[in-house]
Amino acid sequence: MTHLVAGATGTVGRQVVAELVRRGHAVRALTRDPARADFPADFPAGVDVVQGDLTDPDSLVDALKGVTGLHLITFGGEYLVPLDTGPRILELARAAGVRRVTVLNGGGETPLENAVRASDLTWTVVMPVEFMANALAWADGVRERDEVREPFVDRLSAMVHEGDIGAVAAVALTEDGHGGRTYLLSGPEVLTVRDKVDVLAAARGRAVGLVELSEAEALADWRATGHSDEVVDFLLAVYRDTPEVGRTVNPTVEQVTGRPARTFAEWARDHADAFRA
């Protein structure tokens, strides 16, 4: 059985690829530029890297040949705009013999996810809360100044390990019983920013300072980084008052994969070098 993974060089996509390989399945990693794929940093040995672009469904025809499972993302192109090509992608998938589809929820309703839900294929929506990998945004500051600069440092997050997201998607693609399901994924604990900084300090073996930004300072930093007004408004709303779903632990990862969700301490140990000078 061959599986095609879109967004394969992304934070979650590469985890879907790795988990499918670990389970012994043939994998095609879809990318707009295969020449940029880095082995083994991006993909394990044996992964077939193929060219295709979700914004141009007909570019997927060759990649879909012989594929039985398809993992999709809901944004595409250089600027990651919401994809409206879902109906054509699914038409081609059906013609190629695809039987199962997973889609990574992009944080809200999107045309592609709606198309997947309306299709007659066996589909599963994977809906994670905050990724643990988001902490990599602090890596430069920790390496260079031994500090994290954040607003609302007591905000709560049930952040999930990206490897667990990939594992749930891989199970849904390869096992029966997951069709028509939407899996909300969290980690096993609720942490504040203060907690995360302490965990990172322990993992790297050196103290990390926490500088709490005012709301005005955070807005200035986000805008200076180049975030759009839409993204700035989203960050402010989520950080000021995190939705309950984002700060509530649920058992889905263990229920689907058969093993407990990984902790942030585990993630931090695996990525400690990113935070060391």
C-alpha atoms as a PDB file:
ATOM      1  CA  MET A   1       0.000   0.000   0.000  1.00  0.00           C
ATOM      2  CA  THR A   2       1.377   3.393  -1.013  1.00  0.00           C
ATOM      3  CA  HIS A   3       0.501   6.657   0.728  1.00  0.00           C
ATOM      4  CA  LEU A   4       0.919  10.169  -0.635  1.00  0.00           C
ATOM      5  CA  VAL A   5       1.642  12.870   1.949  1.00  0.00           C
ATOM      6  CA  ALA A   6       1.069  16.515   1.022  1.00  0.00           C
ATOM      7  CA  GLY A   7       2.839  19.198   3.022  1.00  0.00           C
ATOM      8  CA  ALA A   8       5.545  16.596   3.539  1.00  0.00           C
ATOM      9  CA  THR A   9       8.291  19.074   4.446  1.00  0.00           C
ATOM     10  CA  GLY A  10       6.097  20.801   7.033  1.00  0.00           C
ATOM     11  CA  THR A  11       6.111  20.353  10.791  1.00  0.00           C
ATOM     12  CA  VAL A  12       3.373  17.706  10.746  1.00  0.00           C
ATOM     13  CA  GLY A  13       3.783  16.324   7.238  1.00  0.00           C
ATOM     14  CA  ARG A  14       7.279  15.011   7.866  1.00  0.00           C
ATOM     15  CA  GLN A  15       5.955  13.274  10.993  1.00  0.00           C
ATOM     16  CA  VAL A  16       3.191  11.578   8.981  1.00  0.00           C
ATOM     17  CA  VAL A  17       5.873  10.387   6.548  1.00  0.00           C
ATOM     18  CA  ALA A  18       8.120   9.089   9.328  1.00  0.00           C
ATOM     19  CA  GLU A  19       5.308   7.225  11.087  1.00  0.00           C
ATOM     20  CA  LEU A  20       4.101   5.572   7.881  1.00  0.00           C
ATOM     21  CA  VAL A  21       7.654   4.442   7.125  1.00  0.00           C
ATOM     22  CA  ARG A  22       8.005   3.136  10.677  1.00  0.00           C
ATOM     23  CA  ARG A  23       4.864   1.089  10.110  1.00  0.00           C
ATOM     24  CA  GLY A  24       6.355  -0.451   6.978  1.00  0.00           C
ATOM     25  CA  HIS A  25       4.359   1.408   4.325  1.00  0.00           C
ATOM     26  CA  ALA A  26       5.550   2.816   1.029  1.00  0.00           C
ATOM     27  CA  VAL A  27       5.435   6.614   1.107  1.00  0.00           C
ATOM     28  CA  ARG A  28       5.501   9.354  -1.492  1.00  0.00           C
ATOM     29  CA  ALA A  29       6.343  12.788  -0.139  1.00  0.00           C
ATOM     30  CA  LEU A  30       4.711  15.541  -2.171  1.00  0.00           C
ATOM     31  CA  THR A  31       6.620  18.795  -2.584  1.00  0.00           C
ATOM     32  CA  ARG A  32       6.637  21.652  -5.055  1.00  0.00           C
ATOM     33  CA  ASP A  33      10.430  21.409  -5.335  1.00  0.00           C
ATOM     34  CA  PRO A  34      11.846  17.869  -4.870  1.00  0.00           C
ATOM     35  CA  ALA A  35      15.397  19.150  -5.460  1.00  0.00           C
ATOM     36  CA  ARG A  36      15.248  20.898  -2.089  1.00  0.00           C
ATOM     37  CA  ALA A  37      14.481  17.699  -0.147  1.00  0.00           C
ATOM     38  CA  ASP A  38      17.198  16.927   2.387  1.00  0.00           C
ATOM     39  CA  PHE A  39      17.886  13.333   3.421  1.00  0.00           C
ATOM     40  CA  PRO A  40      17.725  12.353   6.220  1.00  0.00           C
ATOM     41  CA  ALA A  41      16.749  15.717   7.721  1.00  0.00           C
ATOM     42  CA  ASP A  42      13.474  15.851   5.821  1.00  0.00           C
ATOM     43  CA  PHE A  43      12.699  12.198   5.070  1.00  0.00           C
ATOM     44  CA  PRO A  44      13.907   8.719   6.006  1.00  0.00           C
ATOM     45  CA  ALA A  45      15.613   6.521   3.438  1.00  0.00           C
ATOM     46  CA  GLY A  46      13.230   4.855   1.009  1.00  0.00           C
ATOM     47  CA  VAL A  47      10.770   7.727   0.758  1.00  0.00           C
ATOM     48  CA  ASP A  48       9.867   8.604  -2.826  1.00  0.00           C
ATOM     49  CA  VAL A  49       9.907  12.398  -3.182  1.00  0.00           C
ATOM     50  CA  VAL A  50       7.552  13.523  -5.950  1.00  0.00           C
ATOM     51  CA  GLN A  51       6.660  16.864  -7.453  1.00  0.00           C
ATOM     52  CA  GLY A  52       3.184  18.355  -7.254  1.00  0.00           C
ATOM     53  CA  ASP A  53       1.268  21.412  -6.128  1.00  0.00           C
ATOM     54  CA  LEU A  54      -2.123  21.328  -4.422  1.00  0.00           C
ATOM     55  CA  THR A  55      -2.989  24.634  -6.086  1.00  0.00           C
ATOM     56  CA  ASP A  56      -2.691  22.815  -9.461  1.00  0.00           C
ATOM     57  CA  PRO A  57      -4.522  19.486  -9.007  1.00  0.00           C
ATOM     58  CA  ASP A  58      -3.607  18.141 -12.429  1.00  0.00           C
ATOM     59  CA  SER A  59       0.048  18.220 -11.334  1.00  0.00           C
ATOM     60  CA  LEU A  60      -0.846  15.388  -8.928  1.00  0.00           C
ATOM     61  CA  VAL A  61      -1.901  12.825 -11.550  1.00  0.00           C
ATOM     62  CA  ASP A  62       1.410  10.956 -11.648  1.00  0.00           C
ATOM     63  CA  ALA A  63       1.956  11.238  -7.905  1.00  0.00           C
ATOM     64  CA  LEU A  64      -1.431   9.631  -7.231  1.00  0.00           C
ATOM     65  CA  LYS A  65      -0.854   6.521  -9.361  1.00  0.00           C
ATOM     66  CA  GLY A  66      -1.199   3.421  -7.197  1.00  0.00           C
ATOM     67  CA  VAL A  67      -1.908   5.424  -4.047  1.00  0.00           C
ATOM     68  CA  THR A  68      -4.416   4.075  -1.518  1.00  0.00           C
ATOM     69  CA  GLY A  69      -4.014   6.669   1.267  1.00  0.00           C
ATOM     70  CA  LEU A  70      -3.752  10.443   0.937  1.00  0.00           C
ATOM     71  CA  HIS A  71      -2.846  13.025   3.575  1.00  0.00           C
ATOM     72  CA  LEU A  72      -3.857  16.611   2.766  1.00  0.00           C
ATOM     73  CA  ILE A  73      -3.325  20.094   4.139  1.00  0.00           C
ATOM     74  CA  THR A  74      -5.779  22.941   3.658  1.00  0.00           C
ATOM     75  CA  PHE A  75      -3.410  25.725   2.586  1.00  0.00           C
ATOM     76  CA  GLY A  76      -1.106  25.829  -0.404  1.00  0.00           C
ATOM     77  CA  GLY A  77       1.157  27.816  -2.663  1.00  0.00           C
ATOM     78  CA  GLU A  78       4.013  30.114  -1.757  1.00  0.00           C
ATOM     79  CA  TYR A  79       1.778  32.276   0.449  1.00  0.00           C
ATOM     80  CA  LEU A  80      -0.211  29.433   2.044  1.00  0.00           C
ATOM     81  CA  VAL A  81      -3.648  30.602   0.953  1.00  0.00           C
ATOM     82  CA  PRO A  82      -6.745  28.472   1.702  1.00  0.00           C
ATOM     83  CA  LEU A  83      -7.115  25.873  -1.034  1.00  0.00           C
ATOM     84  CA  ASP A  84     -10.293  25.813  -3.126  1.00  0.00           C
ATOM     85  CA  THR A  85      -9.064  22.903  -5.252  1.00  0.00           C
ATOM     86  CA  GLY A  86     -10.444  20.173  -2.998  1.00  0.00           C
ATOM     87  CA  PRO A  87     -13.181  18.877  -5.337  1.00  0.00           C
ATOM     88  CA  ARG A  88     -10.727  18.346  -8.213  1.00  0.00           C
ATOM     89  CA  ILE A  89      -8.066  16.802  -5.935  1.00  0.00           C
ATOM     90  CA  LEU A  90     -10.626  14.353  -4.580  1.00  0.00           C
ATOM     91  CA  GLU A  91     -11.916  13.565  -8.078  1.00  0.00           C
ATOM     92  CA  LEU A  92      -8.385  12.637  -9.148  1.00  0.00           C
ATOM     93  CA  ALA A  93      -7.815  10.694  -5.920  1.00  0.00           C
ATOM     94  CA  ARG A  94     -10.965   8.677  -6.433  1.00  0.00           C
ATOM     95  CA  ALA A  95      -9.997   7.902 -10.040  1.00  0.00           C
ATOM     96  CA  ALA A  96      -6.544   6.762  -8.886  1.00  0.00           C
ATOM     97  CA  GLY A  97      -8.017   4.301  -6.373  1.00  0.00           C
ATOM     98  CA  VAL A  98      -7.423   6.232  -3.155  1.00  0.00           C
ATOM     99  CA  ARG A  99      -9.554   4.769  -0.373  1.00  0.00           C
ATOM    100  CA  ARG A 100      -8.632   6.797   2.708  1.00  0.00           C
ATOM    101  CA  VAL A 101      -7.961  10.508   3.191  1.00  0.00           C
ATOM    102  CA  THR A 102      -6.739  12.422   6.218  1.00  0.00           C
ATOM    103  CA  VAL A 103      -6.727  16.203   6.375  1.00  0.00           C
ATOM    104  CA  LEU A 104      -4.865  18.419   8.832  1.00  0.00           C
ATOM    105  CA  ASN A 105      -7.264  21.052  10.129  1.00  0.00           C
ATOM    106  CA  GLY A 106      -5.878  24.527   9.535  1.00  0.00           C
ATOM    107  CA  GLY A 107      -7.434  26.201  12.561  1.00  0.00           C
ATOM    108  CA  GLY A 108     -10.927  26.786  11.225  1.00  0.00           C
ATOM    109  CA  GLU A 109     -13.341  25.969   8.437  1.00  0.00           C
ATOM    110  CA  THR A 110     -11.708  25.796   5.000  1.00  0.00           C
ATOM    111  CA  PRO A 111     -12.951  24.927   1.503  1.00  0.00           C
ATOM    112  CA  LEU A 112     -10.676  21.898   1.149  1.00  0.00           C
ATOM    113  CA  GLU A 113     -11.676  20.380   4.484  1.00  0.00           C
ATOM    114  CA  ASN A 114     -15.325  20.953   3.625  1.00  0.00           C
ATOM    115  CA  ALA A 115     -14.792  19.131   0.324  1.00  0.00           C
ATOM    116  CA  VAL A 116     -13.168  16.210   2.122  1.00  0.00           C
ATOM    117  CA  ARG A 117     -16.029  15.974   4.602  1.00  0.00           C
ATOM    118  CA  ALA A 118     -18.570  15.986   1.750  1.00  0.00           C
ATOM    119  CA  SER A 119     -16.753  13.303  -0.254  1.00  0.00           C
ATOM    120  CA  ASP A 120     -17.611   9.613  -0.465  1.00  0.00           C
ATOM    121  CA  LEU A 121     -14.060   8.585   0.438  1.00  0.00           C
ATOM    122  CA  THR A 122     -13.212   7.323   3.918  1.00  0.00           C
ATOM    123  CA  TRP A 123     -11.964  10.500   5.583  1.00  0.00           C
ATOM    124  CA  THR A 124     -10.569  11.586   8.947  1.00  0.00           C
ATOM    125  CA  VAL A 125      -9.937  15.149  10.091  1.00  0.00           C
ATOM    126  CA  VAL A 126      -6.948  15.634  12.404  1.00  0.00           C
ATOM    127  CA  MET A 127      -7.418  18.748  14.560  1.00  0.00           C
ATOM    128  CA  PRO A 128      -4.464  19.515  16.856  1.00  0.00           C
ATOM    129  CA  VAL A 129      -4.186  22.309  19.400  1.00  0.00           C
ATOM    130  CA  GLU A 130      -0.910  24.274  19.673  1.00  0.00           C
ATOM    131  CA  PHE A 131       2.156  22.402  18.361  1.00  0.00           C
ATOM    132  CA  MET A 132       5.034  21.857  20.775  1.00  0.00           C
ATOM    133  CA  ALA A 133       7.262  22.778  17.830  1.00  0.00           C
ATOM    134  CA  ASN A 134       6.020  26.368  18.133  1.00  0.00           C
ATOM    135  CA  ALA A 135       8.550  26.698  20.943  1.00  0.00           C
ATOM    136  CA  LEU A 136      11.282  26.713  18.274  1.00  0.00           C
ATOM    137  CA  ALA A 137      10.311  30.344  17.674  1.00  0.00           C
ATOM    138  CA  TRP A 138      12.136  31.058  20.953  1.00  0.00           C
ATOM    139  CA  ALA A 139      15.340  29.284  19.918  1.00  0.00           C
ATOM    140  CA  ASP A 140      17.264  32.334  18.644  1.00  0.00           C
ATOM    141  CA  GLY A 141      16.525  34.378  21.759  1.00  0.00           C
ATOM    142  CA  VAL A 142      17.456  31.509  24.048  1.00  0.00           C
ATOM    143  CA  ARG A 143      20.728  30.797  22.235  1.00  0.00           C
ATOM    144  CA  GLU A 144      21.760  34.438  21.906  1.00  0.00           C
ATOM    145  CA  ARG A 145      20.423  36.022  25.118  1.00  0.00           C
ATOM    146  CA  ASP A 146      19.322  33.154  27.379  1.00  0.00           C
ATOM    147  CA  GLU A 147      15.806  34.584  27.407  1.00  0.00           C
ATOM    148  CA  VAL A 148      12.264  34.218  26.125  1.00  0.00           C
ATOM    149  CA  ARG A 149      10.203  37.352  25.455  1.00  0.00           C
ATOM    150  CA  GLU A 150       6.444  36.761  25.521  1.00  0.00           C
ATOM    151  CA  PRO A 151       3.190  38.459  26.563  1.00  0.00           C
ATOM    152  CA  PHE A 152       0.513  36.842  28.726  1.00  0.00           C
ATOM    153  CA  VAL A 153       2.992  34.432  30.320  1.00  0.00           C
ATOM    154  CA  ASP A 154       0.359  32.758  32.479  1.00  0.00           C
ATOM    155  CA  ARG A 155      -1.765  31.713  29.507  1.00  0.00           C
ATOM    156  CA  LEU A 156      -2.516  27.996  29.398  1.00  0.00           C
ATOM    157  CA  SER A 157      -1.841  25.505  26.618  1.00  0.00           C
ATOM    158  CA  ALA A 158      -2.398  21.752  26.272  1.00  0.00           C
ATOM    159  CA  MET A 159       0.156  21.726  23.440  1.00  0.00           C
ATOM    160  CA  VAL A 160       0.621  18.508  21.455  1.00  0.00           C
ATOM    161  CA  HIS A 161       3.771  16.862  20.132  1.00  0.00           C
ATOM    162  CA  GLU A 162       3.865  17.009  16.334  1.00  0.00           C
ATOM    163  CA  GLY A 163       4.983  13.366  16.315  1.00  0.00           C
ATOM    164  CA  ASP A 164       1.702  12.418  17.964  1.00  0.00           C
ATOM    165  CA  ILE A 165      -0.223  14.324  15.308  1.00  0.00           C
ATOM    166  CA  GLY A 166       1.644  12.387  12.627  1.00  0.00           C
ATOM    167  CA  ALA A 167       1.017   9.111  14.431  1.00  0.00           C
ATOM    168  CA  VAL A 168      -2.738   9.686  14.608  1.00  0.00           C
ATOM    169  CA  ALA A 169      -2.860  10.539  10.901  1.00  0.00           C
ATOM    170  CA  ALA A 170      -0.852   7.413  10.048  1.00  0.00           C
ATOM    171  CA  VAL A 171      -3.191   5.200  12.060  1.00  0.00           C
ATOM    172  CA  ALA A 172      -6.235   6.706  10.348  1.00  0.00           C
ATOM    173  CA  LEU A 173      -4.659   6.102   6.939  1.00  0.00           C
ATOM    174  CA  THR A 174      -3.739   2.492   7.587  1.00  0.00           C
ATOM    175  CA  GLU A 175      -6.332   1.032   9.949  1.00  0.00           C
ATOM    176  CA  ASP A 176     -10.101   0.559   9.855  1.00  0.00           C
ATOM    177  CA  GLY A 177     -12.517   2.334  12.160  1.00  0.00           C
ATOM    178  CA  HIS A 178     -11.516   5.970  11.732  1.00  0.00           C
ATOM    179  CA  GLY A 179     -13.729   7.047   8.853  1.00  0.00           C
ATOM    180  CA  GLY A 180     -15.951  10.071   9.378  1.00  0.00           C
ATOM    181  CA  ARG A 181     -14.143  11.023  12.575  1.00  0.00           C
ATOM    182  CA  THR A 182     -12.715  14.373  13.682  1.00  0.00           C
ATOM    183  CA  TYR A 183      -9.870  13.850  16.116  1.00  0.00           C
ATOM    184  CA  LEU A 184      -9.116  16.743  18.457  1.00  0.00           C
ATOM    185  CA  LEU A 185      -5.564  16.239  19.702  1.00  0.00           C
ATOM    186  CA  SER A 186      -3.888  17.625  22.812  1.00  0.00           C
ATOM    187  CA  GLY A 187      -0.840  16.785  24.841  1.00  0.00           C
ATOM    188  CA  PRO A 188      -1.003  15.157  28.297  1.00  0.00           C
ATOM    189  CA  GLU A 189      -0.669  18.320  30.404  1.00  0.00           C
ATOM    190  CA  VAL A 190      -1.578  21.986  30.595  1.00  0.00           C
ATOM    191  CA  LEU A 191       1.367  24.381  30.786  1.00  0.00           C
ATOM    192  CA  THR A 192       1.920  28.122  31.132  1.00  0.00           C
ATOM    193  CA  VAL A 193       4.675  29.958  29.291  1.00  0.00           C
ATOM    194  CA  ARG A 194       6.558  30.014  32.607  1.00  0.00           C
ATOM    195  CA  ASP A 195       6.304  26.215  32.791  1.00  0.00           C
ATOM    196  CA  LYS A 196       7.585  25.791  29.234  1.00  0.00           C
ATOM    197  CA  VAL A 197      10.577  28.030  29.862  1.00  0.00           C
ATOM    198  CA  ASP A 198      11.481  26.032  32.970  1.00  0.00           C
ATOM    199  CA  VAL A 199      11.255  22.788  30.983  1.00  0.00           C
ATOM    200  CA  LEU A 200      13.490  24.171  28.228  1.00  0.00           C
ATOM    201  CA  ALA A 201      16.051  25.362  30.789  1.00  0.00           C
ATOM    202  CA  ALA A 202      16.195  21.902  32.340  1.00  0.00           C
ATOM    203  CA  ALA A 203      16.583  20.251  28.931  1.00  0.00           C
ATOM    204  CA  ARG A 204      19.425  22.517  27.775  1.00  0.00           C
ATOM    205  CA  GLY A 205      21.171  22.485  31.145  1.00  0.00           C
ATOM    206  CA  ARG A 206      21.259  26.262  31.517  1.00  0.00           C
ATOM    207  CA  ALA A 207      18.883  28.858  32.943  1.00  0.00           C
ATOM    208  CA  VAL A 208      16.507  30.745  30.658  1.00  0.00           C
ATOM    209  CA  GLY A 209      15.111  34.126  31.650  1.00  0.00           C
ATOM    210  CA  LEU A 210      11.514  35.083  30.956  1.00  0.00           C
ATOM    211  CA  VAL A 211      10.723  38.666  29.970  1.00  0.00           C
ATOM    212  CA  GLU A 212       7.012  39.421  30.051  1.00  0.00           C
ATOM    213  CA  LEU A 213       6.035  41.847  27.309  1.00  0.00           C
ATOM    214  CA  SER A 214       3.180  44.280  27.607  1.00  0.00           C
ATOM    215  CA  GLU A 215       0.411  43.982  25.066  1.00  0.00           C
ATOM    216  CA  ALA A 216       1.735  47.040  23.241  1.00  0.00           C
ATOM    217  CA  GLU A 217       5.269  45.629  23.140  1.00  0.00           C
ATOM    218  CA  ALA A 218       3.992  42.310  21.793  1.00  0.00           C
ATOM    219  CA  LEU A 219       2.002  44.036  19.062  1.00  0.00           C
ATOM    220  CA  ALA A 220       5.067  46.026  18.032  1.00  0.00           C
ATOM    221  CA  ASP A 221       7.225  42.894  17.948  1.00  0.00           C
ATOM    222  CA  TRP A 222       4.714  40.914  15.872  1.00  0.00           C
ATOM    223  CA  ARG A 223       4.333  43.721  13.366  1.00  0.00           C
ATOM    224  CA  ALA A 224       8.100  44.210  13.151  1.00  0.00           C
ATOM    225  CA  THR A 225       8.415  40.506  12.369  1.00  0.00           C
ATOM    226  CA  GLY A 226       6.146  41.033   9.379  1.00  0.00           C
ATOM    227  CA  HIS A 227       2.935  39.460  10.627  1.00  0.00           C
ATOM    228  CA  SER A 228      -0.208  40.653   8.860  1.00  0.00           C
ATOM    229  CA  ASP A 229      -2.931  42.493  10.758  1.00  0.00           C
ATOM    230  CA  GLU A 230      -5.052  39.347  10.535  1.00  0.00           C
ATOM    231  CA  VAL A 231      -2.353  37.217  12.183  1.00  0.00           C
ATOM    232  CA  VAL A 232      -1.679  39.871  14.837  1.00  0.00           C
ATOM    233  CA  ASP A 233      -5.373  40.025  15.716  1.00  0.00           C
ATOM    234  CA  PHE A 234      -5.508  36.219  15.919  1.00  0.00           C
ATOM    235  CA  LEU A 235      -2.467  35.991  18.190  1.00  0.00           C
ATOM    236  CA  LEU A 236      -3.771  38.699  20.471  1.00  0.00           C
ATOM    237  CA  ALA A 237      -7.169  37.042  20.817  1.00  0.00           C
ATOM    238  CA  VAL A 238      -5.751  33.562  21.451  1.00  0.00           C
ATOM    239  CA  TYR A 239      -3.028  34.701  23.856  1.00  0.00           C
ATOM    240  CA  ARG A 240      -5.278  37.064  25.817  1.00  0.00           C
ATOM    241  CA  ASP A 241      -8.015  34.449  26.278  1.00  0.00           C
ATOM    242  CA  THR A 242      -7.038  30.978  25.064  1.00  0.00           C
ATOM    243  CA  PRO A 243     -10.141  29.046  23.978  1.00  0.00           C
ATOM    244  CA  GLU A 244     -11.094  26.212  26.297  1.00  0.00           C
ATOM    245  CA  VAL A 245     -10.315  23.648  23.608  1.00  0.00           C
ATOM    246  CA  GLY A 246      -6.703  24.845  23.529  1.00  0.00           C
ATOM    247  CA  ARG A 247      -6.172  24.483  27.274  1.00  0.00           C
ATOM    248  CA  THR A 248      -7.974  21.192  27.904  1.00  0.00           C
ATOM    249  CA  VAL A 249      -6.302  17.781  27.938  1.00  0.00           C
ATOM    250  CA  ASN A 250      -8.097  15.037  26.035  1.00  0.00           C
ATOM    251  CA  PRO A 251      -7.236  11.325  25.658  1.00  0.00           C
ATOM    252  CA  THR A 252      -7.479  11.074  21.864  1.00  0.00           C
ATOM    253  CA  VAL A 253      -3.798  10.433  21.103  1.00  0.00           C
ATOM    254  CA  GLU A 254      -3.687   7.434  23.434  1.00  0.00           C
ATOM    255  CA  GLN A 255      -7.084   6.168  22.307  1.00  0.00           C
ATOM    256  CA  VAL A 256      -6.048   6.188  18.638  1.00  0.00           C
ATOM    257  CA  THR A 257      -2.385   5.162  18.856  1.00  0.00           C
ATOM    258  CA  GLY A 258      -2.460   2.929  21.930  1.00  0.00           C
ATOM    259  CA  ARG A 259       0.271   4.873  23.738  1.00  0.00           C
ATOM    260  CA  PRO A 260       0.276   7.990  25.927  1.00  0.00           C
ATOM    261  CA  ALA A 261       0.717  11.404  24.358  1.00  0.00           C
ATOM    262  CA  ARG A 262       4.291  12.680  24.639  1.00  0.00           C
ATOM    263  CA  THR A 263       5.147  15.402  27.160  1.00  0.00           C
ATOM    264  CA  PHE A 264       6.789  18.747  26.512  1.00  0.00           C
ATOM    265  CA  ALA A 265       9.757  17.549  28.557  1.00  0.00           C
ATOM    266  CA  GLU A 266      10.252  14.737  26.039  1.00  0.00           C
ATOM    267  CA  TRP A 267      10.014  17.212  23.173  1.00  0.00           C
ATOM    268  CA  ALA A 268      12.467  19.573  24.871  1.00  0.00           C
ATOM    269  CA  ARG A 269      15.035  16.829  25.423  1.00  0.00           C
ATOM    270  CA  ASP A 270      14.839  15.843  21.755  1.00  0.00           C
ATOM    271  CA  HIS A 271      15.293  19.466  20.616  1.00  0.00           C
ATOM    272  CA  ALA A 272      17.645  20.721  23.320  1.00  0.00           C
ATOM    273  CA  ASP A 273      20.457  21.435  20.859  1.00  0.00           C
ATOM    274  CA  ALA A 274      18.290  24.019  19.094  1.00  0.00           C
ATOM    275  CA  PHE A 275      18.384  26.064  22.320  1.00  0.00           C
ATOM    276  CA  ARG A 276      22.108  25.742  23.030  1.00  0.00           C
ATOM    277  CA  ALA A 277      24.632  28.320  21.854  1.00  0.00           C
END
